[in-house]
Amino acid sequence: MPTSAPHLTLASLVLVASLVMPRHATAQEQPAPTAAPSVGVDSLPFRRGQWGAEFGIDDGTVGLGVLRFRSTRTAWQLNAHMAADWSKSTTPFQGSETHVFVNLRAGPRKYRPLVQGVAAYVGTGLIGGYSWSERSDSWRRGWNAGVFGELGAAYFVTRRLSLGARVDASASYLEFRQASVSFAGVQRDRHFSIGLSPVRIVGGLYF
């Protein structure tokens, strides 16, 4: 090989020799060494039957999810967002407060490779949730059900670890029931909601 390409790797030399190249390869034609994960431009590090887990924190809620891959580019997902807060006031007028929130969603997701080590994904499915809050003088219960859509991207640090971001849109029916010492009986509130969540940072583990 020409001495003008001293930085060629041993693997490159073996590949050139095995293919019996009709001409000598130059330094410009060889791929530069890189520390990027071994995910090709047109491939993903998934396999059929593989399991994965997602995690993230956003706006005080903790998100945990499970992935089950149907193929190298599609998966079923089950995600839960949870938040809980307990507080007790030192003044007798305010008393204590409790807030609990759980939201579940499930549906298919499809991945698409973008560049080496980076993939985009879209998903749709159903959502449902329950919330509960209570104070010394009142309580409030609520539930919701609807559909969601998501758009995200993931960078594969390794074949088993990814970091990325995701944005979600949803349409839901919500119903709340509340009671207080300041009014008699139980009040009910029903309405529809369409929302777009802020960008969430999401990590992934694949087994």
Protein backbone atom coordinates (compact mmCIF):
# COMPACT_ATOMS: atom_id res chain seq x y z
CA MET A 1 0.00 0.00 0.00
CA PRO A 2 1.22 3.56 -0.58
CA THR A 3 3.01 5.23 2.32
CA SER A 4 0.74 8.25 1.88
CA ALA A 5 -1.95 6.54 4.01
CA PRO A 6 -0.13 5.71 7.30
CA HIS A 7 -3.29 5.97 9.39
CA LEU A 8 -5.15 3.08 7.67
CA THR A 9 -6.40 0.58 10.20
CA LEU A 10 -5.44 -3.09 10.07
CA ALA A 11 -9.07 -4.00 9.43
CA SER A 12 -9.12 -1.74 6.37
CA LEU A 13 -5.97 -3.34 4.98
CA VAL A 14 -7.41 -6.84 5.43
CA LEU A 15 -10.65 -5.80 3.73
CA VAL A 16 -8.81 -4.30 0.74
CA ALA A 17 -6.66 -7.38 0.36
CA SER A 18 -9.60 -9.79 0.59
CA LEU A 19 -11.52 -7.93 -2.09
CA VAL A 20 -8.46 -7.66 -4.36
CA MET A 21 -9.12 -4.08 -5.19
CA PRO A 22 -8.09 -3.17 -8.75
CA ARG A 23 -6.52 0.03 -7.50
CA HIS A 24 -4.88 1.20 -4.29
CA ALA A 25 -7.13 2.79 -1.71
CA THR A 26 -6.25 6.29 -0.63
CA ALA A 27 -6.47 7.80 2.82
CA GLN A 28 -9.48 9.86 1.78
CA GLU A 29 -11.43 6.70 0.85
CA GLN A 30 -11.04 5.04 4.23
CA PRO A 31 -13.59 5.63 7.01
CA ALA A 32 -12.24 7.73 9.84
CA PRO A 33 -12.00 6.00 13.21
CA THR A 34 -14.95 6.82 15.39
CA ALA A 35 -16.29 5.97 18.84
CA ALA A 36 -19.91 5.93 17.68
CA PRO A 37 -22.01 2.89 18.59
CA SER A 38 -22.12 -0.01 16.16
CA VAL A 39 -25.49 0.85 14.65
CA GLY A 40 -25.48 1.15 10.87
CA VAL A 41 -27.12 3.95 8.97
CA ASP A 42 -29.85 1.59 7.76
CA SER A 43 -30.03 -0.74 10.77
CA LEU A 44 -31.15 -0.70 14.40
CA PRO A 45 -29.78 -2.62 17.40
CA PHE A 46 -33.07 -4.43 18.08
CA ARG A 47 -34.27 -7.97 17.51
CA ARG A 48 -37.61 -9.72 17.53
CA GLY A 49 -38.65 -10.70 21.06
CA GLN A 50 -36.25 -8.26 22.74
CA TRP A 51 -37.26 -6.37 25.89
CA GLY A 52 -36.52 -2.75 26.71
CA ALA A 53 -37.15 -0.25 29.49
CA GLU A 54 -37.60 3.53 29.41
CA PHE A 55 -37.22 6.10 32.16
CA GLY A 56 -37.52 9.85 32.51
CA ILE A 57 -38.44 12.71 34.81
CA ASP A 58 -40.48 15.71 33.70
CA ASP A 59 -42.44 18.40 35.57
CA GLY A 60 -42.27 16.48 38.83
CA THR A 61 -43.57 13.21 37.34
CA VAL A 62 -41.57 10.00 37.07
CA GLY A 63 -41.99 8.04 33.85
CA LEU A 64 -41.30 4.31 33.56
CA GLY A 65 -41.99 2.14 30.55
CA VAL A 66 -41.62 -1.35 29.10
CA LEU A 67 -40.94 -2.20 25.44
CA ARG A 68 -41.48 -5.53 23.69
CA PHE A 69 -40.05 -5.64 20.17
CA ARG A 70 -42.05 -7.35 17.45
CA SER A 71 -39.28 -6.87 14.87
CA THR A 72 -36.10 -4.86 14.39
CA ARG A 73 -38.17 -1.71 13.83
CA THR A 74 -41.47 -2.13 15.70
CA ALA A 75 -42.37 -2.57 19.36
CA TRP A 76 -45.27 -2.57 21.80
CA GLN A 77 -45.00 -0.09 24.63
CA LEU A 78 -46.57 0.25 28.08
CA ASN A 79 -45.71 3.46 29.93
CA ALA A 80 -46.70 4.89 33.29
CA HIS A 81 -46.30 8.45 34.58
CA MET A 82 -46.66 8.89 38.31
CA ALA A 83 -46.47 11.69 40.85
CA ALA A 84 -47.23 11.87 44.55
CA ASP A 85 -46.97 14.62 47.11
CA TRP A 86 -47.71 14.75 50.82
CA SER A 87 -47.47 17.89 52.91
CA LYS A 88 -48.50 18.92 56.39
CA SER A 89 -48.84 22.53 57.42
CA THR A 90 -47.67 23.83 60.77
CA THR A 91 -50.76 26.05 61.00
CA PRO A 92 -54.05 24.47 62.12
CA PHE A 93 -56.01 26.34 59.42
CA GLN A 94 -54.37 24.62 56.44
CA GLY A 95 -53.88 21.12 57.83
CA SER A 96 -52.42 18.45 55.50
CA GLU A 97 -52.60 17.83 51.74
CA THR A 98 -52.16 14.69 49.65
CA HIS A 99 -51.89 14.47 45.87
CA VAL A 100 -51.49 11.29 43.79
CA PHE A 101 -51.44 11.00 39.99
CA VAL A 102 -51.03 7.92 37.77
CA ASN A 103 -51.32 7.86 33.99
CA LEU A 104 -50.95 4.74 31.80
CA ARG A 105 -50.61 4.44 28.06
CA ALA A 106 -50.13 1.54 25.67
CA GLY A 107 -49.73 1.08 21.93
CA PRO A 108 -47.40 0.29 19.03
CA ARG A 109 -44.24 2.20 18.17
CA LYS A 110 -42.27 2.25 14.93
CA TYR A 111 -38.56 3.13 14.64
CA ARG A 112 -36.66 4.47 11.66
CA PRO A 113 -32.86 4.92 11.44
CA LEU A 114 -31.71 8.44 10.58
CA VAL A 115 -27.90 8.48 10.69
CA GLN A 116 -25.41 6.15 12.30
CA GLY A 117 -26.37 5.65 15.93
CA VAL A 118 -29.54 7.79 15.77
CA ALA A 119 -33.15 6.70 15.20
CA ALA A 120 -36.51 8.47 15.12
CA TYR A 121 -39.76 6.86 16.24
CA VAL A 122 -43.49 7.49 16.17
CA GLY A 123 -46.17 5.85 18.28
CA THR A 124 -49.91 5.89 18.91
CA GLY A 125 -52.23 4.23 21.38
CA LEU A 126 -54.63 4.53 24.29
CA ILE A 127 -54.20 6.40 27.57
CA GLY A 128 -55.95 6.26 30.92
CA GLY A 129 -55.31 7.81 34.28
CA TYR A 130 -56.48 8.44 37.82
CA SER A 131 -55.83 11.32 40.22
CA TRP A 132 -56.62 11.77 43.87
CA SER A 133 -56.15 14.80 46.10
CA GLU A 134 -57.29 15.42 49.63
CA ARG A 135 -57.11 18.26 52.11
CA SER A 136 -58.37 18.63 55.63
CA ASP A 137 -61.58 20.24 54.41
CA SER A 138 -62.06 18.77 50.88
CA TRP A 139 -61.26 15.94 48.48
CA ARG A 140 -61.10 15.53 44.71
CA ARG A 141 -61.07 12.39 42.52
CA GLY A 142 -60.64 12.22 38.77
CA TRP A 143 -60.06 9.88 35.88
CA ASN A 144 -59.32 10.28 32.19
CA ALA A 145 -59.28 8.15 29.03
CA GLY A 146 -58.29 8.93 25.45
CA VAL A 147 -55.71 8.53 22.71
CA PHE A 148 -52.16 9.77 22.26
CA GLY A 149 -49.49 10.24 19.62
CA GLU A 150 -45.75 10.60 20.12
CA LEU A 151 -42.70 11.69 18.14
CA GLY A 152 -39.19 11.12 19.42
CA ALA A 153 -35.55 10.44 18.66
CA ALA A 154 -32.92 8.32 20.38
CA TYR A 155 -29.12 8.32 20.27
CA PHE A 156 -27.59 4.92 20.98
CA VAL A 157 -24.67 5.42 23.36
CA THR A 158 -24.21 1.66 23.14
CA ARG A 159 -26.37 -1.11 21.71
CA ARG A 160 -28.04 -1.44 25.12
CA LEU A 161 -28.31 2.21 26.19
CA SER A 162 -29.94 5.19 24.49
CA LEU A 163 -30.65 8.82 25.36
CA GLY A 164 -33.18 10.95 23.56
CA ALA A 165 -36.15 13.28 23.62
CA ARG A 166 -39.86 12.92 22.96
CA VAL A 167 -42.95 15.10 22.55
CA ASP A 168 -46.50 13.82 23.07
CA ALA A 169 -49.95 14.95 21.94
CA SER A 170 -53.18 13.62 23.45
CA ALA A 171 -56.95 13.95 23.37
CA SER A 172 -58.82 12.83 26.49
CA TYR A 173 -62.16 12.78 28.25
CA LEU A 174 -61.86 13.79 31.91
CA GLU A 175 -64.25 13.53 34.81
CA PHE A 176 -63.76 14.89 38.31
CA ARG A 177 -65.75 14.56 41.52
CA GLN A 178 -65.10 16.78 44.50
CA ALA A 179 -66.60 17.63 47.86
CA SER A 180 -65.88 20.29 50.44
CA VAL A 181 -67.20 21.45 53.79
CA SER A 182 -67.99 24.77 52.15
CA PHE A 183 -70.78 23.30 49.98
CA ALA A 184 -73.25 20.45 50.34
CA GLY A 185 -73.13 17.30 48.23
CA VAL A 186 -70.64 16.19 45.60
CA GLN A 187 -69.84 18.29 42.56
CA ARG A 188 -69.00 16.73 39.21
CA ASP A 189 -67.02 18.20 36.32
CA ARG A 190 -66.76 16.63 32.87
CA HIS A 191 -64.86 17.93 29.85
CA PHE A 192 -62.63 17.06 26.90
CA SER A 193 -58.99 18.04 26.72
CA ILE A 194 -56.49 18.27 23.86
CA GLY A 195 -52.90 18.85 24.87
CA LEU A 196 -49.28 18.91 23.72
CA SER A 197 -46.68 17.99 26.29
CA PRO A 198 -43.30 19.72 26.63
CA VAL A 199 -40.22 17.94 25.32
CA ARG A 200 -39.23 15.10 27.64
CA ILE A 201 -35.74 13.67 28.07
CA VAL A 202 -35.96 9.88 27.90
CA GLY A 203 -33.41 7.15 28.52
CA GLY A 204 -33.64 3.57 27.33
CA LEU A 205 -32.16 0.19 28.33
CA TYR A 206 -32.36 -2.88 26.07
CA PHE A 207 -31.91 -6.47 27.16
